[in-house]
């Protein structure tokens, strides 16, 4: 039971990171109706920016860890959000009214551009960092000697995720931008006729999604202590799977799907073979979609005539 509790903690932390990335996928799909396949690479860019910001702050003599983390978080979100805005403006907006496959092909191309840009500019080697947030708490020590631990970085990841989800929920449900986003999701043409700036709303959707991906990138850096140019592909596929599992287009579903994928991977790795953790995750996705084609919290699309 102690081992189960420890894996539960690990799975929730990993699922929180997947969920933050998955929200970006589901936001863009809900409003534009396309899959932003470059979103995983935006997550990778956020991790690299967090690493560079951390090294710069340490090099100038700043040693207060809370201050460093706050500055790194804000810088990573701001610069990665700029990446998101630029990607939408260059790669997606000109193709918005083109044939349906054009934006998807552009997204795949942009994914390769970001991956190779990072490889050329930062090198192909893994970039490790020393533990930044250390320490933790012992929750329980079993008779067999197994200790259930909750590290401080795990607490930081979960609390950051909860706070950001609360802010994002408030943004979508209580602000003018949130109302514009919901209006564009329902009918872009009618929203434009009613005075909604559709281009601005879509751009802000990419900006917010990229900012959340930057937070996930920073949490990944703090939790695993490394970044590399290829991590965006793997994490992006997992987060996209989480968005589909939870119900593509559903924000709560994206978070639920992220937690589910994180728990599946963690428990499978702990009790079975770690080499087949991806097989287990995708197999469960297939089974869920067979019986629930729209995902766990997805709603079937209603064709307007």
C-alpha atoms as a PDB file:
ATOM      1  CA  UNK A   1       0.000   0.000   0.000  1.00  0.00           C
ATOM      2  CA  UNK A   2       2.897   2.365   0.711  1.00  0.00           C
ATOM      3  CA  UNK A   3       4.358   1.648  -2.711  1.00  0.00           C
ATOM      4  CA  UNK A   4       0.948   2.340  -4.280  1.00  0.00           C
ATOM      5  CA  UNK A   5       0.685   5.666  -2.454  1.00  0.00           C
ATOM      6  CA  UNK A   6       4.119   6.739  -3.660  1.00  0.00           C
ATOM      7  CA  UNK A   7       3.278   5.891  -7.267  1.00  0.00           C
ATOM      8  CA  UNK A   8      -0.018   7.744  -6.930  1.00  0.00           C
ATOM      9  CA  UNK A   9       1.872  10.891  -5.937  1.00  0.00           C
ATOM     10  CA  UNK A  10       4.321  10.468  -8.800  1.00  0.00           C
ATOM     11  CA  UNK A  11       1.514   9.893 -11.291  1.00  0.00           C
ATOM     12  CA  UNK A  12      -0.432  12.974 -10.210  1.00  0.00           C
ATOM     13  CA  UNK A  13       2.654  15.149 -10.609  1.00  0.00           C
ATOM     14  CA  UNK A  14       3.432  13.782 -14.076  1.00  0.00           C
ATOM     15  CA  UNK A  15      -0.243  14.078 -15.035  1.00  0.00           C
ATOM     16  CA  UNK A  16      -0.278  17.720 -13.961  1.00  0.00           C
ATOM     17  CA  UNK A  17       2.513  18.483 -16.460  1.00  0.00           C
ATOM     18  CA  UNK A  18       0.715  16.591 -19.234  1.00  0.00           C
ATOM     19  CA  UNK A  19      -2.510  18.398 -18.384  1.00  0.00           C
ATOM     20  CA  UNK A  20      -0.948  21.854 -18.708  1.00  0.00           C
ATOM     21  CA  UNK A  21       0.302  20.963 -22.191  1.00  0.00           C
ATOM     22  CA  UNK A  22      -2.991  19.305 -23.179  1.00  0.00           C
ATOM     23  CA  UNK A  23      -4.965  22.469 -22.407  1.00  0.00           C
ATOM     24  CA  UNK A  24      -3.102  24.221 -25.229  1.00  0.00           C
ATOM     25  CA  UNK A  25      -4.118  21.504 -27.687  1.00  0.00           C
ATOM     26  CA  UNK A  26      -7.758  21.548 -26.677  1.00  0.00           C
ATOM     27  CA  UNK A  27      -8.013  25.371 -26.642  1.00  0.00           C
ATOM     28  CA  UNK A  28      -6.793  25.694 -30.217  1.00  0.00           C
ATOM     29  CA  UNK A  29      -8.946  22.828 -31.427  1.00  0.00           C
ATOM     30  CA  UNK A  30     -12.037  24.204 -29.703  1.00  0.00           C
ATOM     31  CA  UNK A  31     -11.755  27.600 -31.396  1.00  0.00           C
ATOM     32  CA  UNK A  32      -9.974  26.991 -34.719  1.00  0.00           C
ATOM     33  CA  UNK A  33     -10.825  23.328 -35.254  1.00  0.00           C
ATOM     34  CA  UNK A  34      -7.223  22.283 -35.939  1.00  0.00           C
ATOM     35  CA  UNK A  35      -4.562  20.334 -34.058  1.00  0.00           C
ATOM     36  CA  UNK A  36      -1.515  22.462 -33.276  1.00  0.00           C
ATOM     37  CA  UNK A  37       1.149  19.781 -33.704  1.00  0.00           C
ATOM     38  CA  UNK A  38       3.867  22.331 -32.903  1.00  0.00           C
ATOM     39  CA  UNK A  39       2.529  22.799 -29.375  1.00  0.00           C
ATOM     40  CA  UNK A  40       4.789  20.117 -27.900  1.00  0.00           C
ATOM     41  CA  UNK A  41       7.783  21.956 -29.318  1.00  0.00           C
ATOM     42  CA  UNK A  42       6.529  25.189 -27.755  1.00  0.00           C
ATOM     43  CA  UNK A  43       6.666  23.296 -24.445  1.00  0.00           C
ATOM     44  CA  UNK A  44      10.273  22.379 -25.252  1.00  0.00           C
ATOM     45  CA  UNK A  45      11.101  26.010 -26.076  1.00  0.00           C
ATOM     46  CA  UNK A  46       9.642  27.033 -22.710  1.00  0.00           C
ATOM     47  CA  UNK A  47      11.923  24.551 -20.954  1.00  0.00           C
ATOM     48  CA  UNK A  48      15.006  25.911 -22.709  1.00  0.00           C
ATOM     49  CA  UNK A  49      14.047  29.530 -21.962  1.00  0.00           C
ATOM     50  CA  UNK A  50      13.565  28.619 -18.294  1.00  0.00           C
ATOM     51  CA  UNK A  51      17.003  26.981 -18.245  1.00  0.00           C
ATOM     52  CA  UNK A  52      18.715  29.954 -19.908  1.00  0.00           C
ATOM     53  CA  UNK A  53      16.943  32.430 -17.607  1.00  0.00           C
ATOM     54  CA  UNK A  54      17.998  30.429 -14.560  1.00  0.00           C
ATOM     55  CA  UNK A  55      21.645  30.347 -15.661  1.00  0.00           C
ATOM     56  CA  UNK A  56      21.640  34.093 -16.373  1.00  0.00           C
ATOM     57  CA  UNK A  57      20.183  34.944 -12.957  1.00  0.00           C
ATOM     58  CA  UNK A  58      22.668  32.690 -11.171  1.00  0.00           C
ATOM     59  CA  UNK A  59      25.570  34.164 -13.159  1.00  0.00           C
ATOM     60  CA  UNK A  60      24.719  37.709 -12.027  1.00  0.00           C
ATOM     61  CA  UNK A  61      24.794  36.610  -8.382  1.00  0.00           C
ATOM     62  CA  UNK A  62      21.118  36.151  -7.535  1.00  0.00           C
ATOM     63  CA  UNK A  63      20.786  33.392  -4.942  1.00  0.00           C
ATOM     64  CA  UNK A  64      17.268  33.683  -3.471  1.00  0.00           C
ATOM     65  CA  UNK A  65      15.535  30.595  -4.880  1.00  0.00           C
ATOM     66  CA  UNK A  66      11.906  31.883  -4.621  1.00  0.00           C
ATOM     67  CA  UNK A  67      12.858  35.105  -6.405  1.00  0.00           C
ATOM     68  CA  UNK A  68      14.753  33.181  -9.086  1.00  0.00           C
ATOM     69  CA  UNK A  69      11.820  30.837  -9.687  1.00  0.00           C
ATOM     70  CA  UNK A  70       9.338  33.707  -9.957  1.00  0.00           C
ATOM     71  CA  UNK A  71      11.502  35.654 -12.411  1.00  0.00           C
ATOM     72  CA  UNK A  72      12.222  32.536 -14.477  1.00  0.00           C
ATOM     73  CA  UNK A  73       8.515  31.686 -14.578  1.00  0.00           C
ATOM     74  CA  UNK A  74       7.511  35.170 -15.772  1.00  0.00           C
ATOM     75  CA  UNK A  75      10.307  35.385 -18.344  1.00  0.00           C
ATOM     76  CA  UNK A  76       9.592  31.905 -19.720  1.00  0.00           C
ATOM     77  CA  UNK A  77       5.854  32.622 -19.997  1.00  0.00           C
ATOM     78  CA  UNK A  78       6.414  35.990 -21.702  1.00  0.00           C
ATOM     79  CA  UNK A  79       8.955  34.831 -24.279  1.00  0.00           C
ATOM     80  CA  UNK A  80       7.175  31.553 -25.027  1.00  0.00           C
ATOM     81  CA  UNK A  81       3.888  33.435 -25.408  1.00  0.00           C
ATOM     82  CA  UNK A  82       5.650  35.578 -28.013  1.00  0.00           C
ATOM     83  CA  UNK A  83       6.643  32.371 -29.790  1.00  0.00           C
ATOM     84  CA  UNK A  84       3.015  31.257 -29.741  1.00  0.00           C
ATOM     85  CA  UNK A  85       1.811  34.567 -31.190  1.00  0.00           C
ATOM     86  CA  UNK A  86       4.481  34.474 -33.915  1.00  0.00           C
ATOM     87  CA  UNK A  87       3.654  30.880 -34.881  1.00  0.00           C
ATOM     88  CA  UNK A  88      -0.046  31.706 -35.230  1.00  0.00           C
ATOM     89  CA  UNK A  89       0.671  34.863 -37.204  1.00  0.00           C
ATOM     90  CA  UNK A  90       3.146  33.270 -39.639  1.00  0.00           C
ATOM     91  CA  UNK A  91       2.157  29.613 -39.966  1.00  0.00           C
ATOM     92  CA  UNK A  92      -1.595  29.435 -39.290  1.00  0.00           C
ATOM     93  CA  UNK A  93      -3.417  32.684 -39.974  1.00  0.00           C
ATOM     94  CA  UNK A  94      -2.585  32.832 -43.711  1.00  0.00           C
ATOM     95  CA  UNK A  95      -3.949  29.285 -44.091  1.00  0.00           C
ATOM     96  CA  UNK A  96      -7.037  29.627 -41.912  1.00  0.00           C
ATOM     97  CA  UNK A  97      -9.450  29.646 -44.861  1.00  0.00           C
ATOM     98  CA  UNK A  98      -7.445  27.241 -47.007  1.00  0.00           C
ATOM     99  CA  UNK A  99      -8.264  23.557 -47.479  1.00  0.00           C
ATOM    100  CA  UNK A 100      -8.507  21.616 -44.235  1.00  0.00           C
ATOM    101  CA  UNK A 101      -5.152  19.818 -44.404  1.00  0.00           C
ATOM    102  CA  UNK A 102      -3.100  22.966 -45.048  1.00  0.00           C
ATOM    103  CA  UNK A 103      -2.966  24.222 -41.416  1.00  0.00           C
ATOM    104  CA  UNK A 104      -2.139  20.715 -40.190  1.00  0.00           C
ATOM    105  CA  UNK A 105       0.743  20.404 -42.654  1.00  0.00           C
ATOM    106  CA  UNK A 106       1.940  23.860 -41.650  1.00  0.00           C
ATOM    107  CA  UNK A 107       1.804  22.817 -37.971  1.00  0.00           C
ATOM    108  CA  UNK A 108       3.895  19.718 -38.659  1.00  0.00           C
ATOM    109  CA  UNK A 109       6.401  21.837 -40.585  1.00  0.00           C
ATOM    110  CA  UNK A 110       6.582  24.368 -37.757  1.00  0.00           C
ATOM    111  CA  UNK A 111       7.228  21.510 -35.335  1.00  0.00           C
ATOM    112  CA  UNK A 112      10.275  20.463 -37.354  1.00  0.00           C
ATOM    113  CA  UNK A 113      11.436  24.089 -37.576  1.00  0.00           C
ATOM    114  CA  UNK A 114      11.320  24.551 -33.790  1.00  0.00           C
ATOM    115  CA  UNK A 115      12.967  21.192 -33.112  1.00  0.00           C
ATOM    116  CA  UNK A 116      15.863  21.825 -35.469  1.00  0.00           C
ATOM    117  CA  UNK A 117      16.181  25.440 -34.366  1.00  0.00           C
ATOM    118  CA  UNK A 118      16.685  24.239 -30.793  1.00  0.00           C
ATOM    119  CA  UNK A 119      19.076  21.515 -31.897  1.00  0.00           C
ATOM    120  CA  UNK A 120      21.238  23.976 -33.854  1.00  0.00           C
ATOM    121  CA  UNK A 121      21.138  26.801 -31.305  1.00  0.00           C
ATOM    122  CA  UNK A 122      21.449  24.737 -28.092  1.00  0.00           C
ATOM    123  CA  UNK A 123      23.132  21.561 -29.279  1.00  0.00           C
ATOM    124  CA  UNK A 124      21.907  17.968 -29.422  1.00  0.00           C
ATOM    125  CA  UNK A 125      23.115  16.921 -25.966  1.00  0.00           C
ATOM    126  CA  UNK A 126      20.878  16.724 -22.923  1.00  0.00           C
ATOM    127  CA  UNK A 127      21.166  19.842 -20.761  1.00  0.00           C
ATOM    128  CA  UNK A 128      21.182  18.817 -17.073  1.00  0.00           C
ATOM    129  CA  UNK A 129      20.770  21.200 -14.153  1.00  0.00           C
ATOM    130  CA  UNK A 130      21.456  20.614 -10.448  1.00  0.00           C
ATOM    131  CA  UNK A 131      18.452  20.250  -8.138  1.00  0.00           C
ATOM    132  CA  UNK A 132      16.955  23.703  -7.596  1.00  0.00           C
ATOM    133  CA  UNK A 133      14.092  22.903  -5.224  1.00  0.00           C
ATOM    134  CA  UNK A 134      15.275  20.344  -2.682  1.00  0.00           C
ATOM    135  CA  UNK A 135      13.884  18.772   0.463  1.00  0.00           C
ATOM    136  CA  UNK A 136      10.557  17.168   1.201  1.00  0.00           C
ATOM    137  CA  UNK A 137       8.418  15.368   3.739  1.00  0.00           C
ATOM    138  CA  UNK A 138       8.119  11.787   4.880  1.00  0.00           C
ATOM    139  CA  UNK A 139       4.434  10.862   4.864  1.00  0.00           C
ATOM    140  CA  UNK A 140       4.681   7.291   6.060  1.00  0.00           C
ATOM    141  CA  UNK A 141       7.233   4.603   6.733  1.00  0.00           C
ATOM    142  CA  UNK A 142       6.022   1.052   6.316  1.00  0.00           C
ATOM    143  CA  UNK A 143       7.017  -2.023   8.251  1.00  0.00           C
ATOM    144  CA  UNK A 144       9.114  -3.191   5.316  1.00  0.00           C
ATOM    145  CA  UNK A 145      11.129   0.025   5.451  1.00  0.00           C
ATOM    146  CA  UNK A 146       9.579   1.610   2.353  1.00  0.00           C
ATOM    147  CA  UNK A 147       9.156   5.353   2.859  1.00  0.00           C
ATOM    148  CA  UNK A 148       6.384   7.362   1.205  1.00  0.00           C
ATOM    149  CA  UNK A 149       7.843  10.773   0.426  1.00  0.00           C
ATOM    150  CA  UNK A 150       6.435  14.012  -0.907  1.00  0.00           C
ATOM    151  CA  UNK A 151       9.178  16.260  -2.238  1.00  0.00           C
ATOM    152  CA  UNK A 152       8.986  20.035  -2.275  1.00  0.00           C
ATOM    153  CA  UNK A 153       9.235  20.126  -6.071  1.00  0.00           C
ATOM    154  CA  UNK A 154       6.201  17.834  -6.310  1.00  0.00           C
ATOM    155  CA  UNK A 155       4.298  20.242  -4.078  1.00  0.00           C
ATOM    156  CA  UNK A 156       5.418  23.163  -6.270  1.00  0.00           C
ATOM    157  CA  UNK A 157       4.260  21.399  -9.460  1.00  0.00           C
ATOM    158  CA  UNK A 158       0.818  20.523  -8.097  1.00  0.00           C
ATOM    159  CA  UNK A 159       0.174  23.904  -6.463  1.00  0.00           C
ATOM    160  CA  UNK A 160       1.313  25.777  -9.573  1.00  0.00           C
ATOM    161  CA  UNK A 161      -1.002  23.663 -11.715  1.00  0.00           C
ATOM    162  CA  UNK A 162      -3.986  24.238  -9.423  1.00  0.00           C
ATOM    163  CA  UNK A 163      -3.390  28.009  -9.242  1.00  0.00           C
ATOM    164  CA  UNK A 164      -3.010  28.332 -13.014  1.00  0.00           C
ATOM    165  CA  UNK A 165      -6.118  26.253 -13.661  1.00  0.00           C
ATOM    166  CA  UNK A 166      -8.060  28.495 -11.289  1.00  0.00           C
ATOM    167  CA  UNK A 167      -6.822  31.634 -13.046  1.00  0.00           C
ATOM    168  CA  UNK A 168      -7.510  30.148 -16.463  1.00  0.00           C
ATOM    169  CA  UNK A 169     -11.031  29.076 -15.463  1.00  0.00           C
ATOM    170  CA  UNK A 170     -11.728  32.601 -14.222  1.00  0.00           C
ATOM    171  CA  UNK A 171     -10.330  34.030 -17.464  1.00  0.00           C
ATOM    172  CA  UNK A 172     -12.544  31.877 -19.665  1.00  0.00           C
ATOM    173  CA  UNK A 173     -15.742  32.251 -17.636  1.00  0.00           C
ATOM    174  CA  UNK A 174     -15.572  35.782 -16.228  1.00  0.00           C
ATOM    175  CA  UNK A 175     -13.686  38.062 -18.625  1.00  0.00           C
ATOM    176  CA  UNK A 176     -14.427  39.698 -21.967  1.00  0.00           C
ATOM    177  CA  UNK A 177     -11.669  37.681 -23.611  1.00  0.00           C
ATOM    178  CA  UNK A 178     -13.202  34.481 -22.266  1.00  0.00           C
ATOM    179  CA  UNK A 179     -16.616  35.413 -23.666  1.00  0.00           C
ATOM    180  CA  UNK A 180     -15.011  36.181 -27.036  1.00  0.00           C
ATOM    181  CA  UNK A 181     -13.250  32.802 -26.991  1.00  0.00           C
ATOM    182  CA  UNK A 182     -16.494  30.973 -26.248  1.00  0.00           C
ATOM    183  CA  UNK A 183     -18.293  32.934 -28.954  1.00  0.00           C
ATOM    184  CA  UNK A 184     -15.615  32.064 -31.551  1.00  0.00           C
ATOM    185  CA  UNK A 185     -15.827  28.431 -30.480  1.00  0.00           C
ATOM    186  CA  UNK A 186     -19.540  28.355 -31.279  1.00  0.00           C
ATOM    187  CA  UNK A 187     -19.595  30.371 -34.512  1.00  0.00           C
ATOM    188  CA  UNK A 188     -16.762  32.582 -35.764  1.00  0.00           C
ATOM    189  CA  UNK A 189     -18.863  34.262 -38.451  1.00  0.00           C
ATOM    190  CA  UNK A 190     -21.640  35.244 -36.062  1.00  0.00           C
ATOM    191  CA  UNK A 191     -19.095  36.333 -33.449  1.00  0.00           C
ATOM    192  CA  UNK A 192     -17.491  38.655 -36.008  1.00  0.00           C
ATOM    193  CA  UNK A 193     -20.891  40.116 -36.923  1.00  0.00           C
ATOM    194  CA  UNK A 194     -21.499  40.866 -33.240  1.00  0.00           C
ATOM    195  CA  UNK A 195     -18.253  42.815 -32.911  1.00  0.00           C
ATOM    196  CA  UNK A 196     -15.802  40.159 -31.721  1.00  0.00           C
ATOM    197  CA  UNK A 197     -12.293  40.582 -33.105  1.00  0.00           C
ATOM    198  CA  UNK A 198     -11.823  36.989 -34.248  1.00  0.00           C
ATOM    199  CA  UNK A 199      -8.171  37.366 -35.285  1.00  0.00           C
ATOM    200  CA  UNK A 200      -7.235  38.899 -31.940  1.00  0.00           C
ATOM    201  CA  UNK A 201      -9.152  36.221 -30.019  1.00  0.00           C
ATOM    202  CA  UNK A 202      -7.445  33.386 -31.889  1.00  0.00           C
ATOM    203  CA  UNK A 203      -4.035  35.014 -31.400  1.00  0.00           C
ATOM    204  CA  UNK A 204      -4.668  35.349 -27.662  1.00  0.00           C
ATOM    205  CA  UNK A 205      -5.682  31.685 -27.560  1.00  0.00           C
ATOM    206  CA  UNK A 206      -2.281  30.718 -28.958  1.00  0.00           C
ATOM    207  CA  UNK A 207      -0.566  33.135 -26.550  1.00  0.00           C
ATOM    208  CA  UNK A 208      -2.307  31.675 -23.490  1.00  0.00           C
ATOM    209  CA  UNK A 209      -1.698  28.105 -24.632  1.00  0.00           C
ATOM    210  CA  UNK A 210       1.991  28.846 -25.178  1.00  0.00           C
ATOM    211  CA  UNK A 211       2.270  30.479 -21.746  1.00  0.00           C
ATOM    212  CA  UNK A 212       0.789  27.380 -20.096  1.00  0.00           C
ATOM    213  CA  UNK A 213       3.195  25.209 -22.103  1.00  0.00           C
ATOM    214  CA  UNK A 214       6.064  27.362 -20.799  1.00  0.00           C
ATOM    215  CA  UNK A 215       4.941  26.696 -17.236  1.00  0.00           C
ATOM    216  CA  UNK A 216       4.840  22.971 -18.022  1.00  0.00           C
ATOM    217  CA  UNK A 217       8.342  23.228 -19.532  1.00  0.00           C
ATOM    218  CA  UNK A 218       9.669  24.910 -16.413  1.00  0.00           C
ATOM    219  CA  UNK A 219       7.992  22.331 -14.158  1.00  0.00           C
ATOM    220  CA  UNK A 220       9.525  19.563 -16.277  1.00  0.00           C
ATOM    221  CA  UNK A 221      12.957  21.167 -15.898  1.00  0.00           C
ATOM    222  CA  UNK A 222      12.591  21.466 -12.130  1.00  0.00           C
ATOM    223  CA  UNK A 223      11.162  17.965 -11.682  1.00  0.00           C
ATOM    224  CA  UNK A 224      13.448  15.956 -13.965  1.00  0.00           C
ATOM    225  CA  UNK A 225      16.477  18.275 -13.933  1.00  0.00           C
ATOM    226  CA  UNK A 226      17.108  18.230 -17.679  1.00  0.00           C
ATOM    227  CA  UNK A 227      15.918  19.451 -21.055  1.00  0.00           C
ATOM    228  CA  UNK A 228      16.749  18.418 -24.608  1.00  0.00           C
ATOM    229  CA  UNK A 229      15.642  19.406 -28.093  1.00  0.00           C
ATOM    230  CA  UNK A 230      13.572  16.213 -28.639  1.00  0.00           C
ATOM    231  CA  UNK A 231      11.535  16.258 -25.439  1.00  0.00           C
ATOM    232  CA  UNK A 232       8.760  18.305 -27.052  1.00  0.00           C
ATOM    233  CA  UNK A 233       7.862  15.534 -29.490  1.00  0.00           C
ATOM    234  CA  UNK A 234       7.345  12.845 -26.860  1.00  0.00           C
ATOM    235  CA  UNK A 235       5.590  15.108 -24.350  1.00  0.00           C
ATOM    236  CA  UNK A 236       3.486  16.627 -27.136  1.00  0.00           C
ATOM    237  CA  UNK A 237       2.237  13.221 -28.281  1.00  0.00           C
ATOM    238  CA  UNK A 238       1.396  12.283 -24.687  1.00  0.00           C
ATOM    239  CA  UNK A 239      -0.415  15.580 -24.092  1.00  0.00           C
ATOM    240  CA  UNK A 240      -2.330  15.263 -27.364  1.00  0.00           C
ATOM    241  CA  UNK A 241      -3.344  11.762 -26.272  1.00  0.00           C
ATOM    242  CA  UNK A 242      -4.482  13.230 -22.949  1.00  0.00           C
ATOM    243  CA  UNK A 243      -6.573  15.862 -24.749  1.00  0.00           C
ATOM    244  CA  UNK A 244      -8.239  13.206 -26.911  1.00  0.00           C
ATOM    245  CA  UNK A 245      -8.789  10.899 -23.936  1.00  0.00           C
ATOM    246  CA  UNK A 246     -10.434  13.651 -21.900  1.00  0.00           C
ATOM    247  CA  UNK A 247     -12.435  14.932 -24.844  1.00  0.00           C
ATOM    248  CA  UNK A 248     -10.793  17.235 -27.375  1.00  0.00           C
ATOM    249  CA  UNK A 249     -12.256  20.718 -26.969  1.00  0.00           C
ATOM    250  CA  UNK A 250     -13.060  20.233 -23.269  1.00  0.00           C
ATOM    251  CA  UNK A 251     -10.761  22.116 -20.874  1.00  0.00           C
ATOM    252  CA  UNK A 252     -11.628  20.013 -17.794  1.00  0.00           C
ATOM    253  CA  UNK A 253     -11.303  16.956 -20.007  1.00  0.00           C
ATOM    254  CA  UNK A 254      -7.769  17.959 -21.000  1.00  0.00           C
ATOM    255  CA  UNK A 255      -6.698  18.127 -17.368  1.00  0.00           C
ATOM    256  CA  UNK A 256      -8.493  14.888 -16.531  1.00  0.00           C
ATOM    257  CA  UNK A 257      -6.890  13.175 -19.512  1.00  0.00           C
ATOM    258  CA  UNK A 258      -3.454  14.437 -18.471  1.00  0.00           C
ATOM    259  CA  UNK A 259      -3.885  13.035 -14.982  1.00  0.00           C
ATOM    260  CA  UNK A 260      -5.135   9.743 -16.413  1.00  0.00           C
ATOM    261  CA  UNK A 261      -2.157   9.368 -18.775  1.00  0.00           C
ATOM    262  CA  UNK A 262       0.271  10.265 -15.989  1.00  0.00           C
ATOM    263  CA  UNK A 263      -1.245   7.706 -13.625  1.00  0.00           C
ATOM    264  CA  UNK A 264      -1.379   4.983 -16.278  1.00  0.00           C
ATOM    265  CA  UNK A 265       2.281   5.461 -17.191  1.00  0.00           C
ATOM    266  CA  UNK A 266       3.437   5.608 -13.593  1.00  0.00           C
ATOM    267  CA  UNK A 267       1.521   2.572 -12.343  1.00  0.00           C
ATOM    268  CA  UNK A 268       2.399   0.499 -15.397  1.00  0.00           C
ATOM    269  CA  UNK A 269       6.079   1.346 -14.998  1.00  0.00           C
ATOM    270  CA  UNK A 270       5.932   0.503 -11.291  1.00  0.00           C
ATOM    271  CA  UNK A 271       4.075  -2.811 -11.461  1.00  0.00           C
ATOM    272  CA  UNK A 272       4.826  -4.090 -14.970  1.00  0.00           C
ATOM    273  CA  UNK A 273       7.399  -3.307 -17.646  1.00  0.00           C
ATOM    274  CA  UNK A 274       8.562   0.289 -18.100  1.00  0.00           C
ATOM    275  CA  UNK A 275       9.310  -0.424 -21.781  1.00  0.00           C
ATOM    276  CA  UNK A 276       5.593  -0.907 -22.461  1.00  0.00           C
ATOM    277  CA  UNK A 277       4.192   2.072 -20.583  1.00  0.00           C
ATOM    278  CA  UNK A 278       3.379   3.881 -23.840  1.00  0.00           C
ATOM    279  CA  UNK A 279       1.672   0.780 -25.201  1.00  0.00           C
ATOM    280  CA  UNK A 280      -0.491   0.644 -22.080  1.00  0.00           C
ATOM    281  CA  UNK A 281      -1.459   4.327 -22.335  1.00  0.00           C
ATOM    282  CA  UNK A 282      -2.428   4.141 -26.002  1.00  0.00           C
ATOM    283  CA  UNK A 283      -4.230   0.825 -25.527  1.00  0.00           C
ATOM    284  CA  UNK A 284      -6.425   2.339 -22.835  1.00  0.00           C
ATOM    285  CA  UNK A 285      -7.031   5.339 -25.108  1.00  0.00           C
ATOM    286  CA  UNK A 286      -8.247   3.001 -27.850  1.00  0.00           C
ATOM    287  CA  UNK A 287     -10.568   1.139 -25.480  1.00  0.00           C
ATOM    288  CA  UNK A 288     -12.040   4.389 -24.122  1.00  0.00           C
ATOM    289  CA  UNK A 289     -12.631   5.798 -27.608  1.00  0.00           C
ATOM    290  CA  UNK A 290     -14.357   2.596 -28.731  1.00  0.00           C
ATOM    291  CA  UNK A 291     -17.004   2.986 -26.038  1.00  0.00           C
ATOM    292  CA  UNK A 292     -16.847   6.807 -25.684  1.00  0.00           C
ATOM    293  CA  UNK A 293     -15.905   8.234 -29.107  1.00  0.00           C
ATOM    294  CA  UNK A 294     -15.864  11.828 -27.852  1.00  0.00           C
ATOM    295  CA  UNK A 295     -13.632  11.062 -24.857  1.00  0.00           C
ATOM    296  CA  UNK A 296     -14.378  11.139 -21.152  1.00  0.00           C
ATOM    297  CA  UNK A 297     -15.876  14.641 -21.034  1.00  0.00           C
ATOM    298  CA  UNK A 298     -16.249  15.442 -24.720  1.00  0.00           C
ATOM    299  CA  UNK A 299     -19.546  16.480 -26.252  1.00  0.00           C
ATOM    300  CA  UNK A 300     -20.713  15.248 -29.656  1.00  0.00           C
ATOM    301  CA  UNK A 301     -20.638  17.923 -32.342  1.00  0.00           C
ATOM    302  CA  UNK A 302     -24.009  19.141 -33.539  1.00  0.00           C
ATOM    303  CA  UNK A 303     -24.138  19.965 -37.224  1.00  0.00           C
ATOM    304  CA  UNK A 304     -25.831  23.351 -37.770  1.00  0.00           C
ATOM    305  CA  UNK A 305     -28.030  23.538 -40.871  1.00  0.00           C
END
